[in-house]
Amino acid sequence: MAFAPSPIPSRTQYVLEAIKHDILTGGLSPGQALVETELAARFGVSKTPVREALKTLAGTGLVVMSQYKGVTVRMVDADMAREVYDVRLLLEPEALRRSIARGASLEQARSALISADEAADQAERSLANREFHRALYLPCGNPLLARMLDEVRDQAALVSTVAWAADPSWHREADEHREILRLAEAGDTDAAVAALHDHIASFVLRAFPLTDEENQA
């Protein structure tokens, strides 16, 4: 007999989503300490839902728990960014290929583009960016593949938040998104997949360029 996982209590879910939103929109900076008592007071809850929310965020890679430093927002460096984006490069273009092959509707991706264009600030733009990519891979027909990409998308969003803070290049990424969607909706699978691959690879390379030593390796 199969057992479904226990649902996250509503208070924990509320705290979880609020902290995640602050991390992914730059409200909480990489390396910033997350103190249970302060968060509990902020959200008007006991420390228990805060503690559970932080454990879940640690599991997704957004926060780090240390015996000595407590809980902090995960730092983003070149190694971390390249690891996350390497996974995306392996999985996301293939997921898009399958979405196109299935003739899946990409209307949600188009809606995300509109949301990004109309975003009032970087926070809204970041969330729309995440939804655009998810709308490309979610209808791939392989739930496990979609879940694997879901597991890294928060970390990918954290990378982009840090990168945009240093170089707000979202206009370039938006143009690339429009071209990917145009090709996908036209059924030009190989070109759409190649454009998505280049989009992911070029972003992380611009944000975290290789050092001279790495180029020579």
N, C-alpha and C. Protein backbone atom coordinates (compact mmCIF):
# COMPACT_ATOMS: atom_id res chain seq x y z
N MET A 1 0.85 -1.20 0.00
CA MET A 1 0.00 0.00 0.00
C MET A 1 0.89 1.24 0.00
N ALA A 2 0.62 2.17 -0.91
CA ALA A 2 1.43 3.38 -1.01
C ALA A 2 0.92 4.43 -0.04
N PHE A 3 1.84 5.16 0.53
CA PHE A 3 1.48 6.22 1.47
C PHE A 3 1.90 7.56 0.88
N ALA A 4 0.99 8.51 0.91
CA ALA A 4 1.31 9.86 0.42
C ALA A 4 2.08 10.60 1.49
N PRO A 5 3.01 11.48 1.10
CA PRO A 5 3.73 12.27 2.10
C PRO A 5 2.79 13.18 2.86
N SER A 6 3.12 13.43 4.10
CA SER A 6 2.28 14.30 4.93
C SER A 6 2.33 15.73 4.40
N PRO A 7 1.18 16.38 4.31
CA PRO A 7 1.18 17.77 3.84
C PRO A 7 1.87 18.69 4.84
N ILE A 8 2.47 19.75 4.32
CA ILE A 8 3.12 20.72 5.19
C ILE A 8 2.04 21.55 5.88
N PRO A 9 2.11 21.69 7.21
CA PRO A 9 1.11 22.50 7.91
C PRO A 9 1.04 23.91 7.34
N SER A 10 -0.16 24.50 7.39
CA SER A 10 -0.38 25.78 6.72
C SER A 10 0.53 26.89 7.23
N ARG A 11 0.78 26.94 8.54
CA ARG A 11 1.65 27.99 9.07
C ARG A 11 3.08 27.82 8.56
N THR A 12 3.53 26.58 8.54
CA THR A 12 4.87 26.31 8.02
C THR A 12 4.95 26.70 6.55
N GLN A 13 3.92 26.36 5.77
CA GLN A 13 3.90 26.69 4.35
C GLN A 13 3.93 28.19 4.13
N TYR A 14 3.19 28.91 4.95
CA TYR A 14 3.16 30.37 4.85
C TYR A 14 4.55 30.97 5.10
N VAL A 15 5.19 30.51 6.16
CA VAL A 15 6.52 31.00 6.50
C VAL A 15 7.51 30.60 5.41
N LEU A 16 7.40 29.37 4.95
CA LEU A 16 8.28 28.86 3.90
C LEU A 16 8.22 29.72 2.66
N GLU A 17 7.02 29.99 2.18
CA GLU A 17 6.85 30.76 0.95
C GLU A 17 7.32 32.20 1.14
N ALA A 18 7.09 32.77 2.31
CA ALA A 18 7.50 34.15 2.56
C ALA A 18 9.02 34.28 2.56
N ILE A 19 9.70 33.35 3.24
CA ILE A 19 11.16 33.40 3.27
C ILE A 19 11.74 33.14 1.88
N LYS A 20 11.17 32.15 1.18
CA LYS A 20 11.66 31.85 -0.17
C LYS A 20 11.50 33.07 -1.07
N HIS A 21 10.36 33.73 -0.98
CA HIS A 21 10.13 34.92 -1.81
C HIS A 21 11.18 35.99 -1.52
N ASP A 22 11.48 36.20 -0.25
CA ASP A 22 12.47 37.21 0.11
C ASP A 22 13.86 36.84 -0.40
N ILE A 23 14.19 35.57 -0.37
CA ILE A 23 15.50 35.13 -0.86
C ILE A 23 15.60 35.31 -2.37
N LEU A 24 14.56 34.87 -3.08
CA LEU A 24 14.61 34.84 -4.54
C LEU A 24 14.38 36.20 -5.18
N THR A 25 13.98 37.18 -4.39
CA THR A 25 13.80 38.53 -4.93
C THR A 25 14.81 39.51 -4.35
N GLY A 26 15.79 38.98 -3.60
CA GLY A 26 16.86 39.83 -3.09
C GLY A 26 16.57 40.51 -1.77
N GLY A 27 15.40 40.24 -1.18
CA GLY A 27 15.09 40.84 0.12
C GLY A 27 15.98 40.31 1.23
N LEU A 28 16.40 39.07 1.08
CA LEU A 28 17.38 38.46 1.98
C LEU A 28 18.62 38.14 1.15
N SER A 29 19.75 38.61 1.56
CA SER A 29 20.98 38.49 0.77
C SER A 29 21.73 37.20 1.07
N PRO A 30 22.47 36.66 0.10
CA PRO A 30 23.31 35.50 0.36
C PRO A 30 24.26 35.75 1.54
N GLY A 31 24.30 34.78 2.45
CA GLY A 31 25.13 34.90 3.63
C GLY A 31 24.42 35.51 4.83
N GLN A 32 23.24 36.08 4.61
CA GLN A 32 22.49 36.71 5.71
C GLN A 32 21.98 35.66 6.68
N ALA A 33 22.09 35.95 7.97
CA ALA A 33 21.64 35.03 9.01
C ALA A 33 20.12 35.04 9.10
N LEU A 34 19.56 33.85 9.34
CA LEU A 34 18.13 33.70 9.52
C LEU A 34 17.90 33.21 10.95
N VAL A 35 17.46 34.11 11.80
CA VAL A 35 17.31 33.81 13.23
C VAL A 35 15.87 33.42 13.51
N GLU A 36 15.70 32.24 14.10
CA GLU A 36 14.35 31.70 14.33
C GLU A 36 13.47 32.65 15.12
N THR A 37 14.00 33.21 16.21
CA THR A 37 13.17 34.08 17.06
C THR A 37 12.73 35.33 16.30
N GLU A 38 13.62 35.88 15.50
CA GLU A 38 13.28 37.09 14.74
C GLU A 38 12.22 36.78 13.68
N LEU A 39 12.37 35.65 13.01
CA LEU A 39 11.41 35.28 11.98
C LEU A 39 10.05 34.94 12.60
N ALA A 40 10.07 34.27 13.74
CA ALA A 40 8.82 33.94 14.42
C ALA A 40 8.06 35.20 14.80
N ALA A 41 8.79 36.20 15.31
CA ALA A 41 8.16 37.47 15.68
C ALA A 41 7.62 38.19 14.45
N ARG A 42 8.37 38.14 13.38
CA ARG A 42 7.95 38.82 12.14
C ARG A 42 6.65 38.23 11.60
N PHE A 43 6.55 36.91 11.63
CA PHE A 43 5.39 36.25 11.03
C PHE A 43 4.28 35.96 12.04
N GLY A 44 4.52 36.26 13.30
CA GLY A 44 3.50 36.05 14.31
C GLY A 44 3.19 34.59 14.56
N VAL A 45 4.24 33.76 14.54
CA VAL A 45 4.08 32.33 14.78
C VAL A 45 5.09 31.89 15.83
N SER A 46 4.97 30.63 16.27
CA SER A 46 5.97 30.08 17.18
C SER A 46 7.22 29.71 16.38
N LYS A 47 8.26 29.29 17.08
CA LYS A 47 9.49 28.93 16.39
C LYS A 47 9.37 27.61 15.62
N THR A 48 8.39 26.79 15.97
CA THR A 48 8.27 25.47 15.33
C THR A 48 8.04 25.56 13.82
N PRO A 49 7.04 26.31 13.33
CA PRO A 49 6.88 26.39 11.87
C PRO A 49 8.06 27.06 11.18
N VAL A 50 8.72 27.98 11.87
CA VAL A 50 9.91 28.61 11.30
C VAL A 50 11.01 27.57 11.14
N ARG A 51 11.20 26.77 12.18
CA ARG A 51 12.25 25.75 12.14
C ARG A 51 11.98 24.74 11.02
N GLU A 52 10.73 24.33 10.88
CA GLU A 52 10.38 23.37 9.83
C GLU A 52 10.55 23.97 8.45
N ALA A 53 10.19 25.24 8.31
CA ALA A 53 10.34 25.92 7.03
C ALA A 53 11.82 26.02 6.64
N LEU A 54 12.66 26.33 7.60
CA LEU A 54 14.10 26.44 7.33
C LEU A 54 14.70 25.09 6.95
N LYS A 55 14.21 24.02 7.58
CA LYS A 55 14.69 22.69 7.22
C LYS A 55 14.33 22.36 5.77
N THR A 56 13.11 22.72 5.38
CA THR A 56 12.69 22.48 4.00
C THR A 56 13.53 23.30 3.03
N LEU A 57 13.80 24.55 3.36
CA LEU A 57 14.61 25.41 2.49
C LEU A 57 16.04 24.90 2.40
N ALA A 58 16.53 24.31 3.48
CA ALA A 58 17.86 23.72 3.44
C ALA A 58 17.88 22.54 2.47
N GLY A 59 16.78 21.79 2.45
CA GLY A 59 16.68 20.66 1.53
C GLY A 59 16.66 21.08 0.07
N THR A 60 16.13 22.27 -0.22
CA THR A 60 16.10 22.75 -1.60
C THR A 60 17.37 23.49 -1.98
N GLY A 61 18.26 23.70 -1.01
CA GLY A 61 19.54 24.34 -1.31
C GLY A 61 19.53 25.85 -1.21
N LEU A 62 18.44 26.44 -0.69
CA LEU A 62 18.39 27.89 -0.60
C LEU A 62 19.03 28.43 0.68
N VAL A 63 19.05 27.63 1.73
CA VAL A 63 19.70 28.05 2.97
C VAL A 63 20.66 26.96 3.41
N VAL A 64 21.58 27.34 4.27
CA VAL A 64 22.59 26.41 4.79
C VAL A 64 22.49 26.38 6.30
N MET A 65 22.45 25.19 6.86
CA MET A 65 22.41 25.03 8.31
C MET A 65 23.78 24.59 8.81
N SER A 66 24.31 25.34 9.77
CA SER A 66 25.63 25.05 10.32
C SER A 66 25.54 24.98 11.84
N GLN A 67 26.25 24.04 12.41
CA GLN A 67 26.26 23.90 13.87
C GLN A 67 26.81 25.15 14.54
N TYR A 68 27.70 25.84 13.84
CA TYR A 68 28.38 26.98 14.46
C TYR A 68 27.81 28.33 14.01
N LYS A 69 27.39 28.42 12.75
CA LYS A 69 26.91 29.70 12.22
C LYS A 69 25.39 29.80 12.21
N GLY A 70 24.71 28.73 12.55
CA GLY A 70 23.26 28.75 12.49
C GLY A 70 22.78 28.62 11.06
N VAL A 71 21.67 29.27 10.75
CA VAL A 71 21.08 29.18 9.41
C VAL A 71 21.36 30.48 8.65
N THR A 72 21.86 30.34 7.43
CA THR A 72 22.14 31.51 6.59
C THR A 72 21.63 31.26 5.18
N VAL A 73 21.35 32.34 4.47
CA VAL A 73 21.01 32.23 3.06
C VAL A 73 22.24 31.72 2.31
N ARG A 74 22.03 30.82 1.41
CA ARG A 74 23.16 30.22 0.69
C ARG A 74 23.94 31.26 -0.10
N MET A 75 25.24 31.17 0.01
CA MET A 75 26.11 32.03 -0.78
C MET A 75 26.16 31.52 -2.22
N VAL A 76 26.29 32.45 -3.14
CA VAL A 76 26.40 32.09 -4.55
C VAL A 76 27.81 32.41 -5.03
N ASP A 77 28.50 31.40 -5.49
CA ASP A 77 29.81 31.62 -6.10
C ASP A 77 29.85 30.91 -7.45
N ALA A 78 30.97 31.01 -8.14
CA ALA A 78 31.06 30.46 -9.49
C ALA A 78 30.84 28.95 -9.49
N ASP A 79 31.41 28.25 -8.53
CA ASP A 79 31.27 26.79 -8.50
C ASP A 79 29.81 26.39 -8.32
N MET A 80 29.14 27.05 -7.37
CA MET A 80 27.74 26.73 -7.14
C MET A 80 26.90 27.02 -8.38
N ALA A 81 27.11 28.19 -8.99
CA ALA A 81 26.33 28.58 -10.15
C ALA A 81 26.54 27.61 -11.31
N ARG A 82 27.76 27.22 -11.55
CA ARG A 82 28.04 26.33 -12.67
C ARG A 82 27.48 24.94 -12.43
N GLU A 83 27.49 24.48 -11.20
CA GLU A 83 26.91 23.17 -10.89
C GLU A 83 25.42 23.17 -11.19
N VAL A 84 24.73 24.20 -10.73
CA VAL A 84 23.28 24.29 -10.94
C VAL A 84 22.96 24.41 -12.43
N TYR A 85 23.68 25.27 -13.11
CA TYR A 85 23.39 25.48 -14.52
C TYR A 85 23.83 24.31 -15.39
N ASP A 86 24.81 23.54 -14.93
CA ASP A 86 25.19 22.33 -15.65
C ASP A 86 24.04 21.33 -15.64
N VAL A 87 23.36 21.21 -14.49
CA VAL A 87 22.20 20.33 -14.42
C VAL A 87 21.11 20.82 -15.36
N ARG A 88 20.88 22.12 -15.37
CA ARG A 88 19.87 22.67 -16.28
C ARG A 88 20.22 22.39 -17.74
N LEU A 89 21.49 22.53 -18.08
CA LEU A 89 21.90 22.29 -19.46
C LEU A 89 21.69 20.83 -19.86
N LEU A 90 21.85 19.92 -18.92
CA LEU A 90 21.66 18.50 -19.20
C LEU A 90 20.19 18.14 -19.36
N LEU A 91 19.32 18.81 -18.60
CA LEU A 91 17.93 18.37 -18.52
C LEU A 91 16.92 19.28 -19.24
N GLU A 92 17.10 20.59 -19.13
CA GLU A 92 16.04 21.49 -19.59
C GLU A 92 15.85 21.49 -21.11
N PRO A 93 16.92 21.51 -21.92
CA PRO A 93 16.70 21.44 -23.37
C PRO A 93 15.99 20.17 -23.80
N GLU A 94 16.32 19.04 -23.16
CA GLU A 94 15.65 17.79 -23.51
C GLU A 94 14.17 17.85 -23.11
N ALA A 95 13.87 18.46 -21.97
CA ALA A 95 12.48 18.59 -21.57
C ALA A 95 11.70 19.44 -22.57
N LEU A 96 12.31 20.53 -23.04
CA LEU A 96 11.65 21.36 -24.04
C LEU A 96 11.43 20.57 -25.33
N ARG A 97 12.42 19.78 -25.73
CA ARG A 97 12.28 18.96 -26.94
C ARG A 97 11.03 18.07 -26.83
N ARG A 98 10.85 17.49 -25.67
CA ARG A 98 9.72 16.59 -25.47
C ARG A 98 8.40 17.36 -25.41
N SER A 99 8.42 18.55 -24.82
CA SER A 99 7.20 19.36 -24.78
C SER A 99 6.75 19.70 -26.20
N ILE A 100 7.69 20.09 -27.06
CA ILE A 100 7.36 20.44 -28.44
C ILE A 100 6.87 19.20 -29.19
N ALA A 101 7.54 18.07 -28.99
CA ALA A 101 7.17 16.84 -29.68
C ALA A 101 5.75 16.40 -29.33
N ARG A 102 5.33 16.70 -28.11
CA ARG A 102 3.99 16.33 -27.68
C ARG A 102 2.93 17.33 -28.13
N GLY A 103 3.38 18.41 -28.74
CA GLY A 103 2.43 19.44 -29.15
C GLY A 103 1.79 20.14 -27.98
N ALA A 104 2.53 20.22 -26.88
CA ALA A 104 1.98 20.81 -25.65
C ALA A 104 1.74 22.31 -25.82
N SER A 105 0.72 22.79 -25.16
CA SER A 105 0.43 24.22 -25.17
C SER A 105 1.52 24.96 -24.39
N LEU A 106 2.00 26.05 -24.97
CA LEU A 106 3.00 26.89 -24.32
C LEU A 106 2.41 28.25 -23.96
N GLU A 107 1.10 28.27 -23.80
CA GLU A 107 0.42 29.52 -23.49
C GLU A 107 0.88 30.09 -22.15
N GLN A 108 1.18 29.20 -21.19
CA GLN A 108 1.66 29.68 -19.90
C GLN A 108 3.01 30.38 -20.03
N ALA A 109 3.83 29.91 -20.95
CA ALA A 109 5.12 30.55 -21.19
C ALA A 109 4.90 31.96 -21.75
N ARG A 110 3.94 32.08 -22.66
CA ARG A 110 3.63 33.41 -23.23
C ARG A 110 3.09 34.34 -22.15
N SER A 111 2.26 33.82 -21.27
CA SER A 111 1.72 34.64 -20.17
C SER A 111 2.85 35.12 -19.26
N ALA A 112 3.84 34.23 -19.03
CA ALA A 112 4.97 34.61 -18.19
C ALA A 112 5.79 35.72 -18.84
N LEU A 113 5.93 35.67 -20.16
CA LEU A 113 6.65 36.74 -20.87
C LEU A 113 5.94 38.08 -20.68
N ILE A 114 4.62 38.06 -20.78
CA ILE A 114 3.85 39.29 -20.60
C ILE A 114 4.02 39.80 -19.17
N SER A 115 3.97 38.88 -18.20
CA SER A 115 4.15 39.27 -16.80
C SER A 115 5.52 39.90 -16.57
N ALA A 116 6.55 39.34 -17.22
CA ALA A 116 7.91 39.89 -17.08
C ALA A 116 7.99 41.29 -17.68
N ASP A 117 7.35 41.48 -18.85
CA ASP A 117 7.37 42.78 -19.50
C ASP A 117 6.65 43.84 -18.67
N GLU A 118 5.62 43.41 -17.95
CA GLU A 118 4.80 44.35 -17.17
C GLU A 118 5.24 44.44 -15.71
N ALA A 119 6.31 43.73 -15.35
CA ALA A 119 6.75 43.70 -13.96
C ALA A 119 7.08 45.09 -13.44
N ALA A 120 6.65 45.35 -12.21
CA ALA A 120 6.88 46.65 -11.61
C ALA A 120 8.28 46.76 -11.01
N ASP A 121 8.89 45.62 -10.71
CA ASP A 121 10.21 45.64 -10.10
C ASP A 121 10.93 44.33 -10.38
N GLN A 122 12.16 44.24 -9.90
CA GLN A 122 12.97 43.05 -10.14
C GLN A 122 12.35 41.81 -9.50
N ALA A 123 11.68 41.98 -8.38
CA ALA A 123 11.07 40.84 -7.71
C ALA A 123 10.05 40.17 -8.61
N GLU A 124 9.14 40.96 -9.17
CA GLU A 124 8.12 40.40 -10.06
C GLU A 124 8.76 39.82 -11.32
N ARG A 125 9.78 40.48 -11.82
CA ARG A 125 10.44 40.02 -13.04
C ARG A 125 11.13 38.67 -12.80
N SER A 126 11.75 38.52 -11.64
CA SER A 126 12.43 37.27 -11.31
C SER A 126 11.44 36.12 -11.23
N LEU A 127 10.30 36.36 -10.61
CA LEU A 127 9.29 35.31 -10.49
C LEU A 127 8.72 34.94 -11.86
N ALA A 128 8.51 35.93 -12.71
CA ALA A 128 8.00 35.66 -14.06
C ALA A 128 9.02 34.87 -14.88
N ASN A 129 10.29 35.17 -14.67
CA ASN A 129 11.35 34.46 -15.37
C ASN A 129 11.33 32.98 -15.01
N ARG A 130 11.16 32.69 -13.72
CA ARG A 130 11.09 31.30 -13.28
C ARG A 130 9.90 30.59 -13.90
N GLU A 131 8.76 31.29 -13.96
CA GLU A 131 7.55 30.67 -14.49
C GLU A 131 7.68 30.42 -15.99
N PHE A 132 8.40 31.28 -16.71
CA PHE A 132 8.61 31.05 -18.14
C PHE A 132 9.33 29.73 -18.38
N HIS A 133 10.43 29.55 -17.68
CA HIS A 133 11.20 28.32 -17.88
C HIS A 133 10.40 27.08 -17.45
N ARG A 134 9.66 27.21 -16.36
CA ARG A 134 8.88 26.05 -15.90
C ARG A 134 7.79 25.70 -16.91
N ALA A 135 7.22 26.72 -17.53
CA ALA A 135 6.17 26.46 -18.52
C ALA A 135 6.71 25.74 -19.75
N LEU A 136 7.99 25.83 -20.00
CA LEU A 136 8.60 25.12 -21.13
C LEU A 136 8.82 23.64 -20.81
N TYR A 137 9.25 23.35 -19.57
CA TYR A 137 9.59 21.95 -19.28
C TYR A 137 8.48 21.15 -18.61
N LEU A 138 7.53 21.83 -17.97
CA LEU A 138 6.51 21.11 -17.21
C LEU A 138 5.68 20.15 -18.07
N PRO A 139 5.30 20.55 -19.32
CA PRO A 139 4.49 19.63 -20.12
C PRO A 139 5.29 18.61 -20.92
N CYS A 140 6.49 18.27 -20.46
CA CYS A 140 7.36 17.37 -21.21
C CYS A 140 6.85 15.93 -21.24
N GLY A 141 5.92 15.59 -20.36
CA GLY A 141 5.38 14.23 -20.36
C GLY A 141 6.09 13.27 -19.44
N ASN A 142 7.15 13.74 -18.78
CA ASN A 142 7.89 12.90 -17.83
C ASN A 142 7.89 13.61 -16.48
N PRO A 143 7.00 13.19 -15.58
CA PRO A 143 6.90 13.87 -14.29
C PRO A 143 8.20 13.88 -13.50
N LEU A 144 8.99 12.81 -13.60
CA LEU A 144 10.26 12.76 -12.87
C LEU A 144 11.22 13.81 -13.40
N LEU A 145 11.30 13.94 -14.71
CA LEU A 145 12.17 14.96 -15.31
C LEU A 145 11.73 16.35 -14.86
N ALA A 146 10.43 16.60 -14.86
CA ALA A 146 9.93 17.91 -14.43
C ALA A 146 10.25 18.17 -12.96
N ARG A 147 10.13 17.13 -12.10
CA ARG A 147 10.44 17.30 -10.68
C ARG A 147 11.92 17.57 -10.48
N MET A 148 12.77 16.92 -11.25
CA MET A 148 14.21 17.15 -11.13
C MET A 148 14.55 18.60 -11.46
N LEU A 149 13.90 19.13 -12.47
CA LEU A 149 14.13 20.54 -12.81
C LEU A 149 13.53 21.47 -11.77
N ASP A 150 12.38 21.08 -11.21
CA ASP A 150 11.80 21.87 -10.13
C ASP A 150 12.76 21.96 -8.95
N GLU A 151 13.49 20.88 -8.69
CA GLU A 151 14.38 20.83 -7.53
C GLU A 151 15.55 21.79 -7.65
N VAL A 152 15.94 22.14 -8.86
CA VAL A 152 17.07 23.07 -9.02
C VAL A 152 16.62 24.48 -9.40
N ARG A 153 15.33 24.67 -9.66
CA ARG A 153 14.94 25.99 -10.18
C ARG A 153 15.04 27.09 -9.13
N ASP A 154 14.85 26.75 -7.85
CA ASP A 154 15.03 27.77 -6.82
C ASP A 154 16.48 28.22 -6.74
N GLN A 155 17.41 27.25 -6.83
CA GLN A 155 18.82 27.59 -6.80
C GLN A 155 19.21 28.39 -8.05
N ALA A 156 18.64 28.03 -9.19
CA ALA A 156 18.90 28.78 -10.42
C ALA A 156 18.39 30.21 -10.28
N ALA A 157 17.23 30.37 -9.65
CA ALA A 157 16.68 31.71 -9.45
C ALA A 157 17.55 32.53 -8.51
N LEU A 158 18.12 31.86 -7.51
CA LEU A 158 19.04 32.56 -6.60
C LEU A 158 20.27 33.05 -7.35
N VAL A 159 20.78 32.22 -8.25
CA VAL A 159 21.93 32.62 -9.07
C VAL A 159 21.57 33.85 -9.91
N SER A 160 20.41 33.82 -10.55
CA SER A 160 20.03 34.94 -11.40
C SER A 160 19.78 36.21 -10.60
N THR A 161 19.25 36.07 -9.38
CA THR A 161 19.05 37.24 -8.52
C THR A 161 20.37 37.93 -8.22
N VAL A 162 21.38 37.12 -7.87
CA VAL A 162 22.70 37.66 -7.58
C VAL A 162 23.33 38.27 -8.83
N ALA A 163 23.17 37.57 -9.96
CA ALA A 163 23.77 38.05 -11.21
C ALA A 163 23.12 39.36 -11.65
N TRP A 164 21.81 39.45 -11.55
CA TRP A 164 21.11 40.67 -11.96
C TRP A 164 21.44 41.85 -11.05
N ALA A 165 21.75 41.57 -9.79
CA ALA A 165 22.13 42.66 -8.89
C ALA A 165 23.44 43.30 -9.35
N ALA A 166 24.32 42.48 -9.92
CA ALA A 166 25.61 42.99 -10.41
C ALA A 166 25.50 43.54 -11.83
N ASP A 167 24.64 42.92 -12.65
CA ASP A 167 24.49 43.33 -14.04
C ASP A 167 23.05 43.08 -14.46
N PRO A 168 22.20 44.12 -14.38
CA PRO A 168 20.77 43.95 -14.69
C PRO A 168 20.55 43.74 -16.19
N SER A 169 20.78 42.49 -16.63
CA SER A 169 20.74 42.18 -18.06
C SER A 169 19.42 41.54 -18.49
N TRP A 170 18.33 41.80 -17.73
CA TRP A 170 17.10 41.07 -18.02
C TRP A 170 16.50 41.40 -19.38
N HIS A 171 16.82 42.58 -19.94
CA HIS A 171 16.29 42.89 -21.27
C HIS A 171 16.86 41.91 -22.31
N ARG A 172 18.11 41.58 -22.16
CA ARG A 172 18.72 40.60 -23.07
C ARG A 172 18.08 39.23 -22.89
N GLU A 173 17.91 38.82 -21.64
CA GLU A 173 17.29 37.52 -21.39
C GLU A 173 15.85 37.49 -21.90
N ALA A 174 15.13 38.61 -21.78
CA ALA A 174 13.75 38.67 -22.26
C ALA A 174 13.69 38.48 -23.78
N ASP A 175 14.63 39.10 -24.50
CA ASP A 175 14.69 38.93 -25.95
C ASP A 175 14.96 37.47 -26.30
N GLU A 176 15.85 36.85 -25.55
CA GLU A 176 16.16 35.43 -25.79
C GLU A 176 14.94 34.56 -25.49
N HIS A 177 14.21 34.89 -24.45
CA HIS A 177 12.99 34.14 -24.14
C HIS A 177 11.99 34.21 -25.29
N ARG A 178 11.81 35.40 -25.84
CA ARG A 178 10.85 35.55 -26.93
C ARG A 178 11.25 34.72 -28.15
N GLU A 179 12.56 34.68 -28.42
CA GLU A 179 13.03 33.90 -29.57
C GLU A 179 12.86 32.39 -29.31
N ILE A 180 13.14 31.94 -28.10
CA ILE A 180 12.93 30.53 -27.76
C ILE A 180 11.47 30.15 -27.95
N LEU A 181 10.58 30.98 -27.44
CA LEU A 181 9.16 30.68 -27.55
C LEU A 181 8.70 30.72 -29.00
N ARG A 182 9.19 31.68 -29.76
CA ARG A 182 8.81 31.77 -31.18
C ARG A 182 9.17 30.48 -31.91
N LEU A 183 10.38 30.01 -31.70
CA LEU A 183 10.84 28.79 -32.36
C LEU A 183 10.05 27.57 -31.89
N ALA A 184 9.78 27.52 -30.60
CA ALA A 184 9.04 26.38 -30.05
C ALA A 184 7.62 26.34 -30.60
N GLU A 185 6.95 27.48 -30.65
CA GLU A 185 5.58 27.52 -31.15
C GLU A 185 5.51 27.27 -32.65
N ALA A 186 6.62 27.55 -33.36
CA ALA A 186 6.68 27.26 -34.79
C ALA A 186 6.98 25.79 -35.06
N GLY A 187 7.30 25.05 -34.01
CA GLY A 187 7.61 23.64 -34.17
C GLY A 187 9.02 23.37 -34.65
N ASP A 188 9.87 24.39 -34.61
CA ASP A 188 11.28 24.22 -35.02
C ASP A 188 12.05 23.70 -33.82
N THR A 189 11.94 22.41 -33.60
CA THR A 189 12.43 21.81 -32.36
C THR A 189 13.93 22.00 -32.17
N ASP A 190 14.71 21.63 -33.17
CA ASP A 190 16.16 21.71 -33.01
C ASP A 190 16.63 23.13 -32.73
N ALA A 191 16.05 24.10 -33.43
CA ALA A 191 16.46 25.49 -33.23
C ALA A 191 16.02 25.99 -31.86
N ALA A 192 14.83 25.60 -31.42
CA ALA A 192 14.35 26.03 -30.10
C ALA A 192 15.21 25.45 -28.99
N VAL A 193 15.55 24.18 -29.12
CA VAL A 193 16.39 23.52 -28.12
C VAL A 193 17.78 24.15 -28.09
N ALA A 194 18.33 24.42 -29.27
CA ALA A 194 19.65 25.06 -29.34
C ALA A 194 19.62 26.46 -28.73
N ALA A 195 18.55 27.20 -29.00
CA ALA A 195 18.43 28.55 -28.45
C ALA A 195 18.32 28.52 -26.94
N LEU A 196 17.58 27.55 -26.39
CA LEU A 196 17.46 27.42 -24.94
C LEU A 196 18.80 27.04 -24.33
N HIS A 197 19.51 26.11 -24.96
CA HIS A 197 20.84 25.71 -24.46
C HIS A 197 21.78 26.90 -24.43
N ASP A 198 21.81 27.67 -25.51
CA ASP A 198 22.70 28.83 -25.58
C ASP A 198 22.30 29.89 -24.55
N HIS A 199 21.00 30.05 -24.34
CA HIS A 199 20.49 31.02 -23.37
C HIS A 199 20.98 30.69 -21.97
N ILE A 200 20.86 29.44 -21.58
CA ILE A 200 21.29 29.01 -20.24
C ILE A 200 22.80 29.11 -20.10
N ALA A 201 23.53 28.60 -21.10
CA ALA A 201 24.99 28.56 -21.03
C ALA A 201 25.59 29.96 -21.04
N SER A 202 25.07 30.84 -21.88
CA SER A 202 25.66 32.18 -22.00
C SER A 202 25.39 33.01 -20.76
N PHE A 203 24.24 32.79 -20.11
CA PHE A 203 23.93 33.57 -18.92
C PHE A 203 24.94 33.30 -17.81
N VAL A 204 25.17 32.03 -17.51
CA VAL A 204 26.07 31.71 -16.41
C VAL A 204 27.51 32.09 -16.76
N LEU A 205 27.86 32.03 -18.04
CA LEU A 205 29.21 32.41 -18.44
C LEU A 205 29.42 33.92 -18.31
N ARG A 206 28.39 34.70 -18.63
CA ARG A 206 28.48 36.14 -18.46
C ARG A 206 28.54 36.52 -16.99
N ALA A 207 27.72 35.85 -16.20
CA ALA A 207 27.64 36.20 -14.78
C ALA A 207 28.87 35.73 -14.01
N PHE A 208 29.41 34.58 -14.41
CA PHE A 208 30.58 34.00 -13.71
C PHE A 208 31.59 33.55 -14.76
N PRO A 209 32.28 34.51 -15.39
CA PRO A 209 33.23 34.16 -16.47
C PRO A 209 34.36 33.29 -15.95
N LEU A 210 34.87 32.47 -16.86
CA LEU A 210 36.00 31.61 -16.52
C LEU A 210 37.24 32.44 -16.24
N THR A 211 38.05 31.99 -15.31
CA THR A 211 39.32 32.65 -15.04
C THR A 211 40.33 32.27 -16.12
N ASP A 212 41.45 32.98 -16.16
CA ASP A 212 42.50 32.65 -17.14
C ASP A 212 42.96 31.21 -16.95
N GLU A 213 43.10 30.78 -15.71
CA GLU A 213 43.55 29.41 -15.44
C GLU A 213 42.52 28.39 -15.95
N GLU A 214 41.24 28.70 -15.77
CA GLU A 214 40.20 27.76 -16.24
C GLU A 214 40.15 27.72 -17.75
N ASN A 215 40.37 28.85 -18.40
CA ASN A 215 40.38 28.88 -19.86
C ASN A 215 41.52 28.07 -20.43
N GLN A 216 42.63 28.01 -19.69
CA GLN A 216 43.81 27.30 -20.17
C GLN A 216 43.77 25.81 -19.85
N ALA A 217 42.84 25.43 -18.95
CA ALA A 217 42.78 24.03 -18.52
C ALA A 217 42.25 23.13 -19.65
